[in-house]
Amino acid sequence: SLPAKVALSIVFLSQVAKYVPGNVAHHVGRVVLAKRYGLGMTNT
């Protein structure tokens, strides 16, 4: 369970990391932000 506003903010914030070379940082950023909001790592 995650409010839609929080899900959107996680996706938008993690997209900023897309511009770090390697095209992986936005995935890592989303996992870190999701964990901060209490989401399970496996489900994320």
PDB file of all heavy atoms in Angstrom:
ATOM      1  N   SER A   1       0.848  -1.198   0.000  1.00  0.00           N
ATOM      2  CA  SER A   1       0.000   0.000   0.000  1.00  0.00           C
ATOM      3  C   SER A   1       0.878   1.240   0.000  1.00  0.00           C
ATOM      4  O   SER A   1       1.770   1.389   0.818  1.00  0.00           O
ATOM      5  CB  SER A   1      -0.929  -0.006   1.214  1.00  0.00           C
ATOM      6  OG  SER A   1      -0.183   0.044   2.402  1.00  0.00           O
ATOM      7  N   LEU A   2       0.606   2.095  -0.949  1.00  0.00           N
ATOM      8  CA  LEU A   2       1.355   3.331  -1.094  1.00  0.00           C
ATOM      9  C   LEU A   2       0.418   4.336  -1.762  1.00  0.00           C
ATOM     10  O   LEU A   2      -0.172   4.039  -2.798  1.00  0.00           O
ATOM     11  CB  LEU A   2       2.591   3.089  -1.977  1.00  0.00           C
ATOM     12  CG  LEU A   2       3.629   4.175  -2.052  1.00  0.00           C
ATOM     13  CD1 LEU A   2       4.318   4.361  -0.702  1.00  0.00           C
ATOM     14  CD2 LEU A   2       4.669   3.823  -3.096  1.00  0.00           C
ATOM     15  N   PRO A   3       0.265   5.511  -1.163  1.00  0.00           N
ATOM     16  CA  PRO A   3      -0.588   6.510  -1.808  1.00  0.00           C
ATOM     17  C   PRO A   3      -0.084   6.838  -3.215  1.00  0.00           C
ATOM     18  O   PRO A   3       1.126   6.835  -3.467  1.00  0.00           O
ATOM     19  CB  PRO A   3      -0.476   7.727  -0.890  1.00  0.00           C
ATOM     20  CG  PRO A   3      -0.013   7.191   0.424  1.00  0.00           C
ATOM     21  CD  PRO A   3       0.819   5.983   0.104  1.00  0.00           C
ATOM     22  N   ALA A   4      -1.006   7.110  -4.118  1.00  0.00           N
ATOM     23  CA  ALA A   4      -0.650   7.393  -5.515  1.00  0.00           C
ATOM     24  C   ALA A   4       0.329   8.566  -5.607  1.00  0.00           C
ATOM     25  O   ALA A   4       1.260   8.541  -6.406  1.00  0.00           O
ATOM     26  CB  ALA A   4      -1.909   7.686  -6.318  1.00  0.00           C
ATOM     27  N   LYS A   5       0.127   9.573  -4.768  1.00  0.00           N
ATOM     28  CA  LYS A   5       1.006  10.744  -4.778  1.00  0.00           C
ATOM     29  C   LYS A   5       2.445  10.360  -4.444  1.00  0.00           C
ATOM     30  O   LYS A   5       3.392  10.857  -5.053  1.00  0.00           O
ATOM     31  CB  LYS A   5       0.476  11.778  -3.779  1.00  0.00           C
ATOM     32  CG  LYS A   5       1.235  13.065  -3.746  1.00  0.00           C
ATOM     33  CD  LYS A   5       0.603  14.028  -2.749  1.00  0.00           C
ATOM     34  CE  LYS A   5       1.408  15.303  -2.639  1.00  0.00           C
ATOM     35  NZ  LYS A   5       0.835  16.230  -1.662  1.00  0.00           N
ATOM     36  N   VAL A   6       2.617   9.445  -3.492  1.00  0.00           N
ATOM     37  CA  VAL A   6       3.958   9.007  -3.096  1.00  0.00           C
ATOM     38  C   VAL A   6       4.585   8.171  -4.212  1.00  0.00           C
ATOM     39  O   VAL A   6       5.767   8.331  -4.527  1.00  0.00           O
ATOM     40  CB  VAL A   6       3.918   8.224  -1.764  1.00  0.00           C
ATOM     41  CG1 VAL A   6       5.279   7.667  -1.412  1.00  0.00           C
ATOM     42  CG2 VAL A   6       3.408   9.123  -0.646  1.00  0.00           C
ATOM     43  N   ALA A   7       3.799   7.279  -4.818  1.00  0.00           N
ATOM     44  CA  ALA A   7       4.317   6.467  -5.929  1.00  0.00           C
ATOM     45  C   ALA A   7       4.796   7.363  -7.064  1.00  0.00           C
ATOM     46  O   ALA A   7       5.879   7.154  -7.629  1.00  0.00           O
ATOM     47  CB  ALA A   7       3.255   5.494  -6.418  1.00  0.00           C
ATOM     48  N   LEU A   8       3.998   8.381  -7.387  1.00  0.00           N
ATOM     49  CA  LEU A   8       4.394   9.321  -8.434  1.00  0.00           C
ATOM     50  C   LEU A   8       5.662  10.080  -8.058  1.00  0.00           C
ATOM     51  O   LEU A   8       6.557  10.253  -8.885  1.00  0.00           O
ATOM     52  CB  LEU A   8       3.261  10.312  -8.709  1.00  0.00           C
ATOM     53  CG  LEU A   8       2.089   9.790  -9.522  1.00  0.00           C
ATOM     54  CD1 LEU A   8       0.953  10.806  -9.529  1.00  0.00           C
ATOM     55  CD2 LEU A   8       2.513   9.460 -10.933  1.00  0.00           C
ATOM     56  N   SER A   9       5.750  10.524  -6.816  1.00  0.00           N
ATOM     57  CA  SER A   9       6.939  11.285  -6.409  1.00  0.00           C
ATOM     58  C   SER A   9       8.190  10.417  -6.440  1.00  0.00           C
ATOM     59  O   SER A   9       9.254  10.887  -6.835  1.00  0.00           O
ATOM     60  CB  SER A   9       6.742  11.912  -5.026  1.00  0.00           C
ATOM     61  OG  SER A   9       6.705  10.923  -4.025  1.00  0.00           O
ATOM     62  N   ILE A  10       8.063   9.140  -6.084  1.00  0.00           N
ATOM     63  CA  ILE A  10       9.218   8.234  -6.139  1.00  0.00           C
ATOM     64  C   ILE A  10       9.677   8.074  -7.589  1.00  0.00           C
ATOM     65  O   ILE A  10      10.874   8.157  -7.883  1.00  0.00           O
ATOM     66  CB  ILE A  10       8.881   6.871  -5.508  1.00  0.00           C
ATOM     67  CG1 ILE A  10       8.777   7.009  -3.990  1.00  0.00           C
ATOM     68  CG2 ILE A  10       9.929   5.819  -5.871  1.00  0.00           C
ATOM     69  CD1 ILE A  10       8.288   5.752  -3.287  1.00  0.00           C
ATOM     70  N   VAL A  11       8.735   7.875  -8.492  1.00  0.00           N
ATOM     71  CA  VAL A  11       9.101   7.693  -9.899  1.00  0.00           C
ATOM     72  C   VAL A  11       9.719   8.971 -10.466  1.00  0.00           C
ATOM     73  O   VAL A  11      10.762   8.923 -11.115  1.00  0.00           O
ATOM     74  CB  VAL A  11       7.882   7.252 -10.727  1.00  0.00           C
ATOM     75  CG1 VAL A  11       8.168   7.322 -12.218  1.00  0.00           C
ATOM     76  CG2 VAL A  11       7.474   5.842 -10.342  1.00  0.00           C
ATOM     77  N   PHE A  12       9.107  10.116 -10.198  1.00  0.00           N
ATOM     78  CA  PHE A  12       9.647  11.372 -10.724  1.00  0.00           C
ATOM     79  C   PHE A  12      11.033  11.673 -10.150  1.00  0.00           C
ATOM     80  O   PHE A  12      11.937  12.068 -10.880  1.00  0.00           O
ATOM     81  CB  PHE A  12       8.697  12.542 -10.447  1.00  0.00           C
ATOM     82  CG  PHE A  12       7.611  12.689 -11.470  1.00  0.00           C
ATOM     83  CD1 PHE A  12       6.301  12.348 -11.173  1.00  0.00           C
ATOM     84  CD2 PHE A  12       7.894  13.161 -12.741  1.00  0.00           C
ATOM     85  CE1 PHE A  12       5.300  12.482 -12.112  1.00  0.00           C
ATOM     86  CE2 PHE A  12       6.896  13.305 -13.696  1.00  0.00           C
ATOM     87  CZ  PHE A  12       5.597  12.962 -13.384  1.00  0.00           C
ATOM     88  N   LEU A  13      11.215  11.481  -8.842  1.00  0.00           N
ATOM     89  CA  LEU A  13      12.523  11.736  -8.251  1.00  0.00           C
ATOM     90  C   LEU A  13      13.583  10.786  -8.780  1.00  0.00           C
ATOM     91  O   LEU A  13      14.713  11.187  -9.054  1.00  0.00           O
ATOM     92  CB  LEU A  13      12.447  11.621  -6.720  1.00  0.00           C
ATOM     93  CG  LEU A  13      11.822  12.792  -5.987  1.00  0.00           C
ATOM     94  CD1 LEU A  13      11.637  12.454  -4.519  1.00  0.00           C
ATOM     95  CD2 LEU A  13      12.680  14.034  -6.142  1.00  0.00           C
ATOM     96  N   SER A  14      13.217   9.519  -8.933  1.00  0.00           N
ATOM     97  CA  SER A  14      14.215   8.557  -9.402  1.00  0.00           C
ATOM     98  C   SER A  14      14.577   8.803 -10.864  1.00  0.00           C
ATOM     99  O   SER A  14      15.670   8.434 -11.295  1.00  0.00           O
ATOM    100  CB  SER A  14      13.721   7.127  -9.199  1.00  0.00           C
ATOM    101  OG  SER A  14      12.587   6.860  -9.993  1.00  0.00           O
ATOM    102  N   GLN A  15      13.708   9.438 -11.643  1.00  0.00           N
ATOM    103  CA  GLN A  15      14.019   9.703 -13.043  1.00  0.00           C
ATOM    104  C   GLN A  15      15.161  10.696 -13.207  1.00  0.00           C
ATOM    105  O   GLN A  15      15.847  10.685 -14.223  1.00  0.00           O
ATOM    106  CB  GLN A  15      12.777  10.213 -13.774  1.00  0.00           C
ATOM    107  CG  GLN A  15      11.732   9.156 -13.990  1.00  0.00           C
ATOM    108  CD  GLN A  15      12.253   7.941 -14.719  1.00  0.00           C
ATOM    109  OE1 GLN A  15      12.798   8.044 -15.807  1.00  0.00           O
ATOM    110  NE2 GLN A  15      12.086   6.784 -14.118  1.00  0.00           N
ATOM    111  N   VAL A  16      15.380  11.530 -12.219  1.00  0.00           N
ATOM    112  CA  VAL A  16      16.491  12.477 -12.279  1.00  0.00           C
ATOM    113  C   VAL A  16      17.806  11.724 -12.407  1.00  0.00           C
ATOM    114  O   VAL A  16      18.717  12.140 -13.135  1.00  0.00           O
ATOM    115  CB  VAL A  16      16.499  13.392 -11.036  1.00  0.00           C
ATOM    116  CG1 VAL A  16      17.720  14.277 -11.012  1.00  0.00           C
ATOM    117  CG2 VAL A  16      15.223  14.223 -11.006  1.00  0.00           C
ATOM    118  N   ALA A  17      17.899  10.566 -11.759  1.00  0.00           N
ATOM    119  CA  ALA A  17      19.130   9.780 -11.789  1.00  0.00           C
ATOM    120  C   ALA A  17      19.350   9.099 -13.133  1.00  0.00           C
ATOM    121  O   ALA A  17      20.406   8.515 -13.361  1.00  0.00           O
ATOM    122  CB  ALA A  17      19.104   8.733 -10.675  1.00  0.00           C
ATOM    123  N   LYS A  18      18.395   9.185 -14.041  1.00  0.00           N
ATOM    124  CA  LYS A  18      18.548   8.575 -15.357  1.00  0.00           C
ATOM    125  C   LYS A  18      19.722   9.187 -16.116  1.00  0.00           C
ATOM    126  O   LYS A  18      20.274   8.586 -17.018  1.00  0.00           O
ATOM    127  CB  LYS A  18      17.265   8.781 -16.152  1.00  0.00           C
ATOM    128  CG  LYS A  18      16.883   7.639 -17.007  1.00  0.00           C
ATOM    129  CD  LYS A  18      15.589   7.943 -17.704  1.00  0.00           C
ATOM    130  CE  LYS A  18      14.800   6.670 -17.820  1.00  0.00           C
ATOM    131  NZ  LYS A  18      13.541   6.845 -18.480  1.00  0.00           N
ATOM    132  N   TYR A  19      20.081  10.392 -15.743  1.00  0.00           N
ATOM    133  CA  TYR A  19      21.108  11.103 -16.477  1.00  0.00           C
ATOM    134  C   TYR A  19      22.506  10.837 -15.929  1.00  0.00           C
ATOM    135  O   TYR A  19      23.478  11.382 -16.440  1.00  0.00           O
ATOM    136  CB  TYR A  19      20.778  12.596 -16.517  1.00  0.00           C
ATOM    137  CG  TYR A  19      19.430  12.782 -17.144  1.00  0.00           C
ATOM    138  CD1 TYR A  19      18.304  13.016 -16.370  1.00  0.00           C
ATOM    139  CD2 TYR A  19      19.270  12.621 -18.509  1.00  0.00           C
ATOM    140  CE1 TYR A  19      17.049  13.123 -16.955  1.00  0.00           C
ATOM    141  CE2 TYR A  19      18.018  12.723 -19.099  1.00  0.00           C
ATOM    142  CZ  TYR A  19      16.921  12.973 -18.311  1.00  0.00           C
ATOM    143  OH  TYR A  19      15.689  13.069 -18.884  1.00  0.00           O
ATOM    144  N   VAL A  20      22.612   9.975 -14.922  1.00  0.00           N
ATOM    145  CA  VAL A  20      23.915   9.514 -14.458  1.00  0.00           C
ATOM    146  C   VAL A  20      24.335   8.403 -15.409  1.00  0.00           C
ATOM    147  O   VAL A  20      23.538   7.510 -15.710  1.00  0.00           O
ATOM    148  CB  VAL A  20      23.833   8.986 -13.000  1.00  0.00           C
ATOM    149  CG1 VAL A  20      25.145   8.387 -12.557  1.00  0.00           C
ATOM    150  CG2 VAL A  20      23.405  10.099 -12.066  1.00  0.00           C
ATOM    151  N   PRO A  21      25.561   8.430 -15.924  1.00  0.00           N
ATOM    152  CA  PRO A  21      25.979   7.401 -16.877  1.00  0.00           C
ATOM    153  C   PRO A  21      25.778   5.985 -16.324  1.00  0.00           C
ATOM    154  O   PRO A  21      25.954   5.723 -15.143  1.00  0.00           O
ATOM    155  CB  PRO A  21      27.472   7.688 -17.079  1.00  0.00           C
ATOM    156  CG  PRO A  21      27.605   9.140 -16.759  1.00  0.00           C
ATOM    157  CD  PRO A  21      26.597   9.411 -15.671  1.00  0.00           C
ATOM    158  N   GLY A  22      25.377   5.094 -17.195  1.00  0.00           N
ATOM    159  CA  GLY A  22      25.176   3.702 -16.818  1.00  0.00           C
ATOM    160  C   GLY A  22      23.732   3.272 -16.863  1.00  0.00           C
ATOM    161  O   GLY A  22      23.429   2.095 -16.931  1.00  0.00           O
ATOM    162  N   ASN A  23      22.799   4.222 -16.833  1.00  0.00           N
ATOM    163  CA  ASN A  23      21.363   3.954 -16.920  1.00  0.00           C
ATOM    164  C   ASN A  23      20.881   2.953 -15.875  1.00  0.00           C
ATOM    165  O   ASN A  23      19.998   2.148 -16.137  1.00  0.00           O
ATOM    166  CB  ASN A  23      20.990   3.501 -18.335  1.00  0.00           C
ATOM    167  CG  ASN A  23      19.533   3.758 -18.645  1.00  0.00           C
ATOM    168  OD1 ASN A  23      18.876   4.562 -17.989  1.00  0.00           O
ATOM    169  ND2 ASN A  23      19.017   3.069 -19.630  1.00  0.00           N
ATOM    170  N   VAL A  24      21.473   2.971 -14.713  1.00  0.00           N
ATOM    171  CA  VAL A  24      21.062   2.075 -13.630  1.00  0.00           C
ATOM    172  C   VAL A  24      20.648   2.867 -12.398  1.00  0.00           C
ATOM    173  O   VAL A  24      19.831   2.416 -11.606  1.00  0.00           O
ATOM    174  CB  VAL A  24      22.211   1.105 -13.266  1.00  0.00           C
ATOM    175  CG1 VAL A  24      21.835   0.205 -12.123  1.00  0.00           C
ATOM    176  CG2 VAL A  24      22.607   0.272 -14.475  1.00  0.00           C
ATOM    177  N   ALA A  25      21.171   4.068 -12.262  1.00  0.00           N
ATOM    178  CA  ALA A  25      20.972   4.845 -11.038  1.00  0.00           C
ATOM    179  C   ALA A  25      19.505   5.126 -10.754  1.00  0.00           C
ATOM    180  O   ALA A  25      19.100   5.179  -9.590  1.00  0.00           O
ATOM    181  CB  ALA A  25      21.758   6.149 -11.106  1.00  0.00           C
ATOM    182  N   HIS A  26      18.663   5.291 -11.781  1.00  0.00           N
ATOM    183  CA  HIS A  26      17.252   5.565 -11.518  1.00  0.00           C
ATOM    184  C   HIS A  26      16.560   4.343 -10.924  1.00  0.00           C
ATOM    185  O   HIS A  26      15.629   4.478 -10.138  1.00  0.00           O
ATOM    186  CB  HIS A  26      16.539   6.079 -12.763  1.00  0.00           C
ATOM    187  CG  HIS A  26      16.456   5.131 -13.901  1.00  0.00           C
ATOM    188  ND1 HIS A  26      17.552   4.810 -14.668  1.00  0.00           N
ATOM    189  CD2 HIS A  26      15.420   4.435 -14.405  1.00  0.00           C
ATOM    190  CE1 HIS A  26      17.180   3.960 -15.600  1.00  0.00           C
ATOM    191  NE2 HIS A  26      15.893   3.711 -15.463  1.00  0.00           N
ATOM    192  N   HIS A  27      17.022   3.150 -11.265  1.00  0.00           N
ATOM    193  CA  HIS A  27      16.463   1.944 -10.646  1.00  0.00           C
ATOM    194  C   HIS A  27      16.882   1.860  -9.180  1.00  0.00           C
ATOM    195  O   HIS A  27      16.062   1.573  -8.302  1.00  0.00           O
ATOM    196  CB  HIS A  27      16.908   0.692 -11.394  1.00  0.00           C
ATOM    197  CG  HIS A  27      16.376   0.610 -12.791  1.00  0.00           C
ATOM    198  ND1 HIS A  27      15.029   0.575 -13.071  1.00  0.00           N
ATOM    199  CD2 HIS A  27      17.006   0.578 -13.985  1.00  0.00           C
ATOM    200  CE1 HIS A  27      14.860   0.513 -14.372  1.00  0.00           C
ATOM    201  NE2 HIS A  27      16.040   0.516 -14.955  1.00  0.00           N
ATOM    202  N   VAL A  28      18.158   2.111  -8.930  1.00  0.00           N
ATOM    203  CA  VAL A  28      18.661   2.094  -7.553  1.00  0.00           C
ATOM    204  C   VAL A  28      17.949   3.155  -6.726  1.00  0.00           C
ATOM    205  O   VAL A  28      17.531   2.907  -5.597  1.00  0.00           O
ATOM    206  CB  VAL A  28      20.198   2.301  -7.529  1.00  0.00           C
ATOM    207  CG1 VAL A  28      20.711   2.428  -6.106  1.00  0.00           C
ATOM    208  CG2 VAL A  28      20.903   1.165  -8.257  1.00  0.00           C
ATOM    209  N   GLY A  29      17.779   4.328  -7.312  1.00  0.00           N
ATOM    210  CA  GLY A  29      17.094   5.406  -6.607  1.00  0.00           C
ATOM    211  C   GLY A  29      15.668   5.053  -6.245  1.00  0.00           C
ATOM    212  O   GLY A  29      15.198   5.342  -5.145  1.00  0.00           O
ATOM    213  N   ARG A  30      14.979   4.374  -7.143  1.00  0.00           N
ATOM    214  CA  ARG A  30      13.603   3.994  -6.851  1.00  0.00           C
ATOM    215  C   ARG A  30      13.557   2.969  -5.723  1.00  0.00           C
ATOM    216  O   ARG A  30      12.701   3.044  -4.843  1.00  0.00           O
ATOM    217  CB  ARG A  30      12.912   3.430  -8.080  1.00  0.00           C
ATOM    218  CG  ARG A  30      11.422   3.285  -7.811  1.00  0.00           C
ATOM    219  CD  ARG A  30      10.614   2.671  -8.883  1.00  0.00           C
ATOM    220  NE  ARG A  30      10.779   3.220 -10.208  1.00  0.00           N
ATOM    221  CZ  ARG A  30      10.063   2.801 -11.240  1.00  0.00           C
ATOM    222  NH1 ARG A  30       9.142   1.866 -11.079  1.00  0.00           N
ATOM    223  NH2 ARG A  30      10.246   3.304 -12.428  1.00  0.00           N
ATOM    224  N   VAL A  31      14.482   2.023  -5.737  1.00  0.00           N
ATOM    225  CA  VAL A  31      14.517   1.015  -4.664  1.00  0.00           C
ATOM    226  C   VAL A  31      14.798   1.685  -3.317  1.00  0.00           C
ATOM    227  O   VAL A  31      14.147   1.390  -2.313  1.00  0.00           O
ATOM    228  CB  VAL A  31      15.567  -0.078  -4.969  1.00  0.00           C
ATOM    229  CG1 VAL A  31      15.794  -0.977  -3.773  1.00  0.00           C
ATOM    230  CG2 VAL A  31      15.148  -0.895  -6.179  1.00  0.00           C
ATOM    231  N   VAL A  32      15.757   2.606  -3.288  1.00  0.00           N
ATOM    232  CA  VAL A  32      16.108   3.294  -2.039  1.00  0.00           C
ATOM    233  C   VAL A  32      14.921   4.121  -1.542  1.00  0.00           C
ATOM    234  O   VAL A  32      14.584   4.081  -0.348  1.00  0.00           O
ATOM    235  CB  VAL A  32      17.353   4.185  -2.243  1.00  0.00           C
ATOM    236  CG1 VAL A  32      17.579   5.102  -1.053  1.00  0.00           C
ATOM    237  CG2 VAL A  32      18.584   3.319  -2.483  1.00  0.00           C
ATOM    238  N   LEU A  33      14.272   4.858  -2.434  1.00  0.00           N
ATOM    239  CA  LEU A  33      13.119   5.666  -2.029  1.00  0.00           C
ATOM    240  C   LEU A  33      11.955   4.786  -1.576  1.00  0.00           C
ATOM    241  O   LEU A  33      11.271   5.103  -0.603  1.00  0.00           O
ATOM    242  CB  LEU A  33      12.677   6.574  -3.173  1.00  0.00           C
ATOM    243  CG  LEU A  33      13.609   7.752  -3.487  1.00  0.00           C
ATOM    244  CD1 LEU A  33      13.245   8.397  -4.818  1.00  0.00           C
ATOM    245  CD2 LEU A  33      13.577   8.772  -2.371  1.00  0.00           C
ATOM    246  N   ALA A  34      11.724   3.684  -2.277  1.00  0.00           N
ATOM    247  CA  ALA A  34      10.640   2.777  -1.887  1.00  0.00           C
ATOM    248  C   ALA A  34      10.904   2.184  -0.507  1.00  0.00           C
ATOM    249  O   ALA A  34       9.988   2.066   0.319  1.00  0.00           O
ATOM    250  CB  ALA A  34      10.488   1.660  -2.923  1.00  0.00           C
ATOM    251  N   LYS A  35      12.147   1.832  -0.255  1.00  0.00           N
ATOM    252  CA  LYS A  35      12.497   1.283   1.059  1.00  0.00           C
ATOM    253  C   LYS A  35      12.263   2.326   2.152  1.00  0.00           C
ATOM    254  O   LYS A  35      11.788   2.004   3.244  1.00  0.00           O
ATOM    255  CB  LYS A  35      13.947   0.813   1.063  1.00  0.00           C
ATOM    256  CG  LYS A  35      14.324   0.042   2.289  1.00  0.00           C
ATOM    257  CD  LYS A  35      15.722  -0.521   2.184  1.00  0.00           C
ATOM    258  CE  LYS A  35      16.039  -1.298   3.438  1.00  0.00           C
ATOM    259  NZ  LYS A  35      17.378  -1.861   3.401  1.00  0.00           N
ATOM    260  N   ARG A  36      12.567   3.577   1.849  1.00  0.00           N
ATOM    261  CA  ARG A  36      12.360   4.658   2.814  1.00  0.00           C
ATOM    262  C   ARG A  36      10.888   4.791   3.192  1.00  0.00           C
ATOM    263  O   ARG A  36      10.553   5.167   4.310  1.00  0.00           O
ATOM    264  CB  ARG A  36      12.871   5.970   2.230  1.00  0.00           C
ATOM    265  CG  ARG A  36      12.727   7.142   3.193  1.00  0.00           C
ATOM    266  CD  ARG A  36      13.263   8.418   2.636  1.00  0.00           C
ATOM    267  NE  ARG A  36      14.709   8.339   2.535  1.00  0.00           N
ATOM    268  CZ  ARG A  36      15.441   9.212   1.875  1.00  0.00           C
ATOM    269  NH1 ARG A  36      14.886  10.209   1.236  1.00  0.00           N
ATOM    270  NH2 ARG A  36      16.748   9.089   1.828  1.00  0.00           N
ATOM    271  N   TYR A  37       9.990   4.474   2.251  1.00  0.00           N
ATOM    272  CA  TYR A  37       8.552   4.535   2.528  1.00  0.00           C
ATOM    273  C   TYR A  37       7.993   3.216   3.028  1.00  0.00           C
ATOM    274  O   TYR A  37       6.775   3.048   3.115  1.00  0.00           O
ATOM    275  CB  TYR A  37       7.788   4.992   1.276  1.00  0.00           C
ATOM    276  CG  TYR A  37       7.921   6.471   1.037  1.00  0.00           C
ATOM    277  CD1 TYR A  37       8.855   6.962   0.134  1.00  0.00           C
ATOM    278  CD2 TYR A  37       7.130   7.381   1.735  1.00  0.00           C
ATOM    279  CE1 TYR A  37       8.989   8.319  -0.081  1.00  0.00           C
ATOM    280  CE2 TYR A  37       7.260   8.732   1.517  1.00  0.00           C
ATOM    281  CZ  TYR A  37       8.190   9.203   0.610  1.00  0.00           C
ATOM    282  OH  TYR A  37       8.323  10.552   0.403  1.00  0.00           O
ATOM    283  N   GLY A  38       8.873   2.285   3.359  1.00  0.00           N
ATOM    284  CA  GLY A  38       8.444   1.043   3.990  1.00  0.00           C
ATOM    285  C   GLY A  38       7.990  -0.063   3.056  1.00  0.00           C
ATOM    286  O   GLY A  38       7.375  -1.027   3.500  1.00  0.00           O
ATOM    287  N   LEU A  39       8.287   0.060   1.779  1.00  0.00           N
ATOM    288  CA  LEU A  39       7.905  -0.996   0.848  1.00  0.00           C
ATOM    289  C   LEU A  39       8.896  -2.154   0.931  1.00  0.00           C
ATOM    290  O   LEU A  39      10.085  -1.949   1.163  1.00  0.00           O
ATOM    291  CB  LEU A  39       7.872  -0.468  -0.592  1.00  0.00           C
ATOM    292  CG  LEU A  39       6.854   0.621  -0.876  1.00  0.00           C
ATOM    293  CD1 LEU A  39       6.957   1.064  -2.321  1.00  0.00           C
ATOM    294  CD2 LEU A  39       5.456   0.141  -0.571  1.00  0.00           C
ATOM    295  N   GLY A  40       8.392  -3.359   0.703  1.00  0.00           N
ATOM    296  CA  GLY A  40       9.249  -4.534   0.729  1.00  0.00           C
ATOM    297  C   GLY A  40      10.186  -4.560  -0.473  1.00  0.00           C
ATOM    298  O   GLY A  40       9.798  -4.221  -1.591  1.00  0.00           O
ATOM    299  N   MET A  41      11.423  -4.971  -0.245  1.00  0.00           N
ATOM    300  CA  MET A  41      12.428  -4.991  -1.301  1.00  0.00           C
ATOM    301  C   MET A  41      12.032  -5.967  -2.420  1.00  0.00           C
ATOM    302  O   MET A  41      12.141  -5.654  -3.603  1.00  0.00           O
ATOM    303  CB  MET A  41      13.781  -5.395  -0.708  1.00  0.00           C
ATOM    304  CG  MET A  41      14.915  -5.361  -1.694  1.00  0.00           C
ATOM    305  SD  MET A  41      15.457  -3.697  -2.083  1.00  0.00           S
ATOM    306  CE  MET A  41      16.102  -3.173  -0.525  1.00  0.00           C
ATOM    307  N   THR A  42      11.549  -7.142  -2.053  1.00  0.00           N
ATOM    308  CA  THR A  42      11.182  -8.149  -3.055  1.00  0.00           C
ATOM    309  C   THR A  42      10.055  -7.647  -3.951  1.00  0.00           C
ATOM    310  O   THR A  42      10.134  -7.749  -5.175  1.00  0.00           O
ATOM    311  CB  THR A  42      10.760  -9.463  -2.365  1.00  0.00           C
ATOM    312  OG1 THR A  42      11.821  -9.894  -1.524  1.00  0.00           O
ATOM    313  CG2 THR A  42      10.440 -10.529  -3.378  1.00  0.00           C
ATOM    314  N   ASN A  43       9.027  -7.082  -3.346  1.00  0.00           N
ATOM    315  CA  ASN A  43       7.903  -6.569  -4.132  1.00  0.00           C
ATOM    316  C   ASN A  43       8.310  -5.388  -5.008  1.00  0.00           C
ATOM    317  O   ASN A  43       7.858  -5.262  -6.146  1.00  0.00           O
ATOM    318  CB  ASN A  43       6.739  -6.181  -3.224  1.00  0.00           C
ATOM    319  CG  ASN A  43       6.048  -7.389  -2.645  1.00  0.00           C
ATOM    320  OD1 ASN A  43       6.106  -8.471  -3.203  1.00  0.00           O
ATOM    321  ND2 ASN A  43       5.400  -7.207  -1.514  1.00  0.00           N
ATOM    322  N   THR A  44       9.149  -4.527  -4.486  1.00  0.00           N
ATOM    323  CA  THR A  44       9.618  -3.384  -5.269  1.00  0.00           C
ATOM    324  C   THR A  44      10.390  -3.854  -6.491  1.00  0.00           C
ATOM    325  O   THR A  44      10.134  -3.417  -7.613  1.00  0.00           O
ATOM    326  CB  THR A  44      10.500  -2.461  -4.409  1.00  0.00           C
ATOM    327  OG1 THR A  44       9.739  -1.981  -3.307  1.00  0.00           O
ATOM    328  CG2 THR A  44      11.011  -1.275  -5.211  1.00  0.00           C
TER     329      THR A  44
END
